[in-house]
Amino acid sequence: MNRDEVLQEIHQIAKEFAASSGRTVNENSSNFLEAYGFTSLDALEFLLLLEERFGVTFEDEDLTEDTLTSEDRLADYVIERLG
C-alpha cells in the first residue's frame, strides 16, 4: 500500500466516523482531529479503527499531539508500521 492510498483510507475512515457521530468536516482546519470535530475520546476510537483497518498498533509513547494532529504524520506512522 503506498502513501497516497494510506492517506485516502485515513480520510475515508475519518469521514465515515465523523458522519456516524453527526459531526461536520471543516476542511480548512490545519489540525486533523479538529477538522473532523473529534474529541479526545473520538480520537481514541478513530485510532482503534485505524489499527483494525491497517493491522498496526499505535504504541502509547507514539500517541503525541504531533502524530495525532496531522494526517501526513498518521500516514507516515502507518506506513512505518506496515514495514
C-alpha atoms as a PDB file:
ATOM      1  CA  MET A   1       0.000   0.000   0.000  1.00  0.00           C
ATOM      2  CA  ASN A   2       1.507   3.332  -0.994  1.00  0.00           C
ATOM      3  CA  ARG A   3       1.364   6.622   0.899  1.00  0.00           C
ATOM      4  CA  ASP A   4      -1.449   8.104  -1.197  1.00  0.00           C
ATOM      5  CA  GLU A   5      -3.592   5.019  -0.635  1.00  0.00           C
ATOM      6  CA  VAL A   6      -2.944   5.162   3.113  1.00  0.00           C
ATOM      7  CA  LEU A   7      -3.847   8.880   3.227  1.00  0.00           C
ATOM      8  CA  GLN A   8      -7.005   8.271   1.232  1.00  0.00           C
ATOM      9  CA  GLU A   9      -8.025   5.417   3.528  1.00  0.00           C
ATOM     10  CA  ILE A  10      -7.328   7.501   6.658  1.00  0.00           C
ATOM     11  CA  HIS A  11      -9.568  10.277   5.339  1.00  0.00           C
ATOM     12  CA  GLN A  12     -12.298   7.838   4.335  1.00  0.00           C
ATOM     13  CA  ILE A  13     -12.327   6.260   7.788  1.00  0.00           C
ATOM     14  CA  ALA A  14     -12.330   9.703   9.427  1.00  0.00           C
ATOM     15  CA  LYS A  15     -15.207  10.929   7.239  1.00  0.00           C
ATOM     16  CA  GLU A  16     -17.295   7.843   7.954  1.00  0.00           C
ATOM     17  CA  PHE A  17     -16.584   8.043  11.679  1.00  0.00           C
ATOM     18  CA  ALA A  18     -17.397  11.765  11.780  1.00  0.00           C
ATOM     19  CA  ALA A  19     -20.628  11.208   9.854  1.00  0.00           C
ATOM     20  CA  SER A  20     -21.696   8.399  12.183  1.00  0.00           C
ATOM     21  CA  SER A  21     -21.230  10.811  15.099  1.00  0.00           C
ATOM     22  CA  GLY A  22     -23.155  13.613  13.379  1.00  0.00           C
ATOM     23  CA  ARG A  23     -20.050  15.769  13.048  1.00  0.00           C
ATOM     24  CA  THR A  24     -19.338  18.033  10.110  1.00  0.00           C
ATOM     25  CA  VAL A  25     -15.941  18.237   8.454  1.00  0.00           C
ATOM     26  CA  ASN A  26     -14.047  21.542   8.460  1.00  0.00           C
ATOM     27  CA  GLU A  27     -11.603  21.085   5.590  1.00  0.00           C
ATOM     28  CA  ASN A  28      -9.972  24.456   6.321  1.00  0.00           C
ATOM     29  CA  SER A  29      -8.549  23.344   9.670  1.00  0.00           C
ATOM     30  CA  SER A  30      -4.835  22.572   9.793  1.00  0.00           C
ATOM     31  CA  ASN A  31      -5.405  20.233  12.754  1.00  0.00           C
ATOM     32  CA  PHE A  32      -6.600  16.827  11.540  1.00  0.00           C
ATOM     33  CA  LEU A  33      -8.593  15.986  14.669  1.00  0.00           C
ATOM     34  CA  GLU A  34     -10.248  19.404  14.774  1.00  0.00           C
ATOM     35  CA  ALA A  35     -11.068  19.201  11.060  1.00  0.00           C
ATOM     36  CA  TYR A  36     -13.246  16.169  11.767  1.00  0.00           C
ATOM     37  CA  GLY A  37     -14.565  17.536  15.063  1.00  0.00           C
ATOM     38  CA  PHE A  38     -13.057  14.685  17.087  1.00  0.00           C
ATOM     39  CA  THR A  39     -12.963  14.863  20.859  1.00  0.00           C
ATOM     40  CA  SER A  40     -10.179  13.051  22.701  1.00  0.00           C
ATOM     41  CA  LEU A  41     -12.451  10.022  23.105  1.00  0.00           C
ATOM     42  CA  ASP A  42     -13.309  10.145  19.402  1.00  0.00           C
ATOM     43  CA  ALA A  43      -9.596  10.243  18.603  1.00  0.00           C
ATOM     44  CA  LEU A  44      -9.020   7.040  20.555  1.00  0.00           C
ATOM     45  CA  GLU A  45     -11.913   5.304  18.820  1.00  0.00           C
ATOM     46  CA  PHE A  46     -10.609   6.529  15.462  1.00  0.00           C
ATOM     47  CA  LEU A  47      -7.159   5.107  16.235  1.00  0.00           C
ATOM     48  CA  LEU A  48      -8.765   1.757  17.037  1.00  0.00           C
ATOM     49  CA  LEU A  49     -10.436   1.833  13.634  1.00  0.00           C
ATOM     50  CA  LEU A  50      -7.070   2.567  12.003  1.00  0.00           C
ATOM     51  CA  GLU A  51      -5.450  -0.273  13.922  1.00  0.00           C
ATOM     52  CA  GLU A  52      -8.136  -2.676  12.719  1.00  0.00           C
ATOM     53  CA  ARG A  53      -8.037  -1.486   9.124  1.00  0.00           C
ATOM     54  CA  PHE A  54      -4.256  -1.482   8.702  1.00  0.00           C
ATOM     55  CA  GLY A  55      -3.335  -4.224  11.171  1.00  0.00           C
ATOM     56  CA  VAL A  56      -0.970  -1.951  13.090  1.00  0.00           C
ATOM     57  CA  THR A  57      -0.676  -0.943  16.731  1.00  0.00           C
ATOM     58  CA  PHE A  58      -0.287   2.620  17.928  1.00  0.00           C
ATOM     59  CA  GLU A  59       2.157   2.445  20.808  1.00  0.00           C
ATOM     60  CA  ASP A  60       1.295   4.633  23.813  1.00  0.00           C
ATOM     61  CA  GLU A  61       4.587   6.521  23.628  1.00  0.00           C
ATOM     62  CA  ASP A  62       3.869   7.420  19.986  1.00  0.00           C
ATOM     63  CA  LEU A  63       0.471   8.961  20.694  1.00  0.00           C
ATOM     64  CA  THR A  64       1.705  12.518  20.676  1.00  0.00           C
ATOM     65  CA  GLU A  65      -0.010  15.681  19.564  1.00  0.00           C
ATOM     66  CA  ASP A  66       2.339  15.825  16.577  1.00  0.00           C
ATOM     67  CA  THR A  67       1.304  12.365  15.407  1.00  0.00           C
ATOM     68  CA  LEU A  68      -2.408  12.812  16.013  1.00  0.00           C
ATOM     69  CA  THR A  69      -2.993  16.265  14.562  1.00  0.00           C
ATOM     70  CA  SER A  70      -1.519  15.695  11.110  1.00  0.00           C
ATOM     71  CA  GLU A  71      -2.836  13.269   8.518  1.00  0.00           C
ATOM     72  CA  ASP A  72       0.634  13.204   6.962  1.00  0.00           C
ATOM     73  CA  ARG A  73       2.203  12.074  10.235  1.00  0.00           C
ATOM     74  CA  LEU A  74      -0.537   9.494  10.757  1.00  0.00           C
ATOM     75  CA  ALA A  75       0.090   8.124   7.260  1.00  0.00           C
ATOM     76  CA  ASP A  76       3.850   8.053   7.865  1.00  0.00           C
ATOM     77  CA  TYR A  77       3.300   6.199  11.142  1.00  0.00           C
ATOM     78  CA  VAL A  78       1.058   3.595   9.497  1.00  0.00           C
ATOM     79  CA  ILE A  79       3.464   3.089   6.603  1.00  0.00           C
ATOM     80  CA  GLU A  80       6.376   2.703   9.010  1.00  0.00           C
ATOM     81  CA  ARG A  81       4.438   0.071  10.970  1.00  0.00           C
ATOM     82  CA  LEU A  82       3.458  -1.767   7.797  1.00  0.00           C
ATOM     83  CA  GLY A  83       7.171  -2.099   7.084  1.00  0.00           C
END
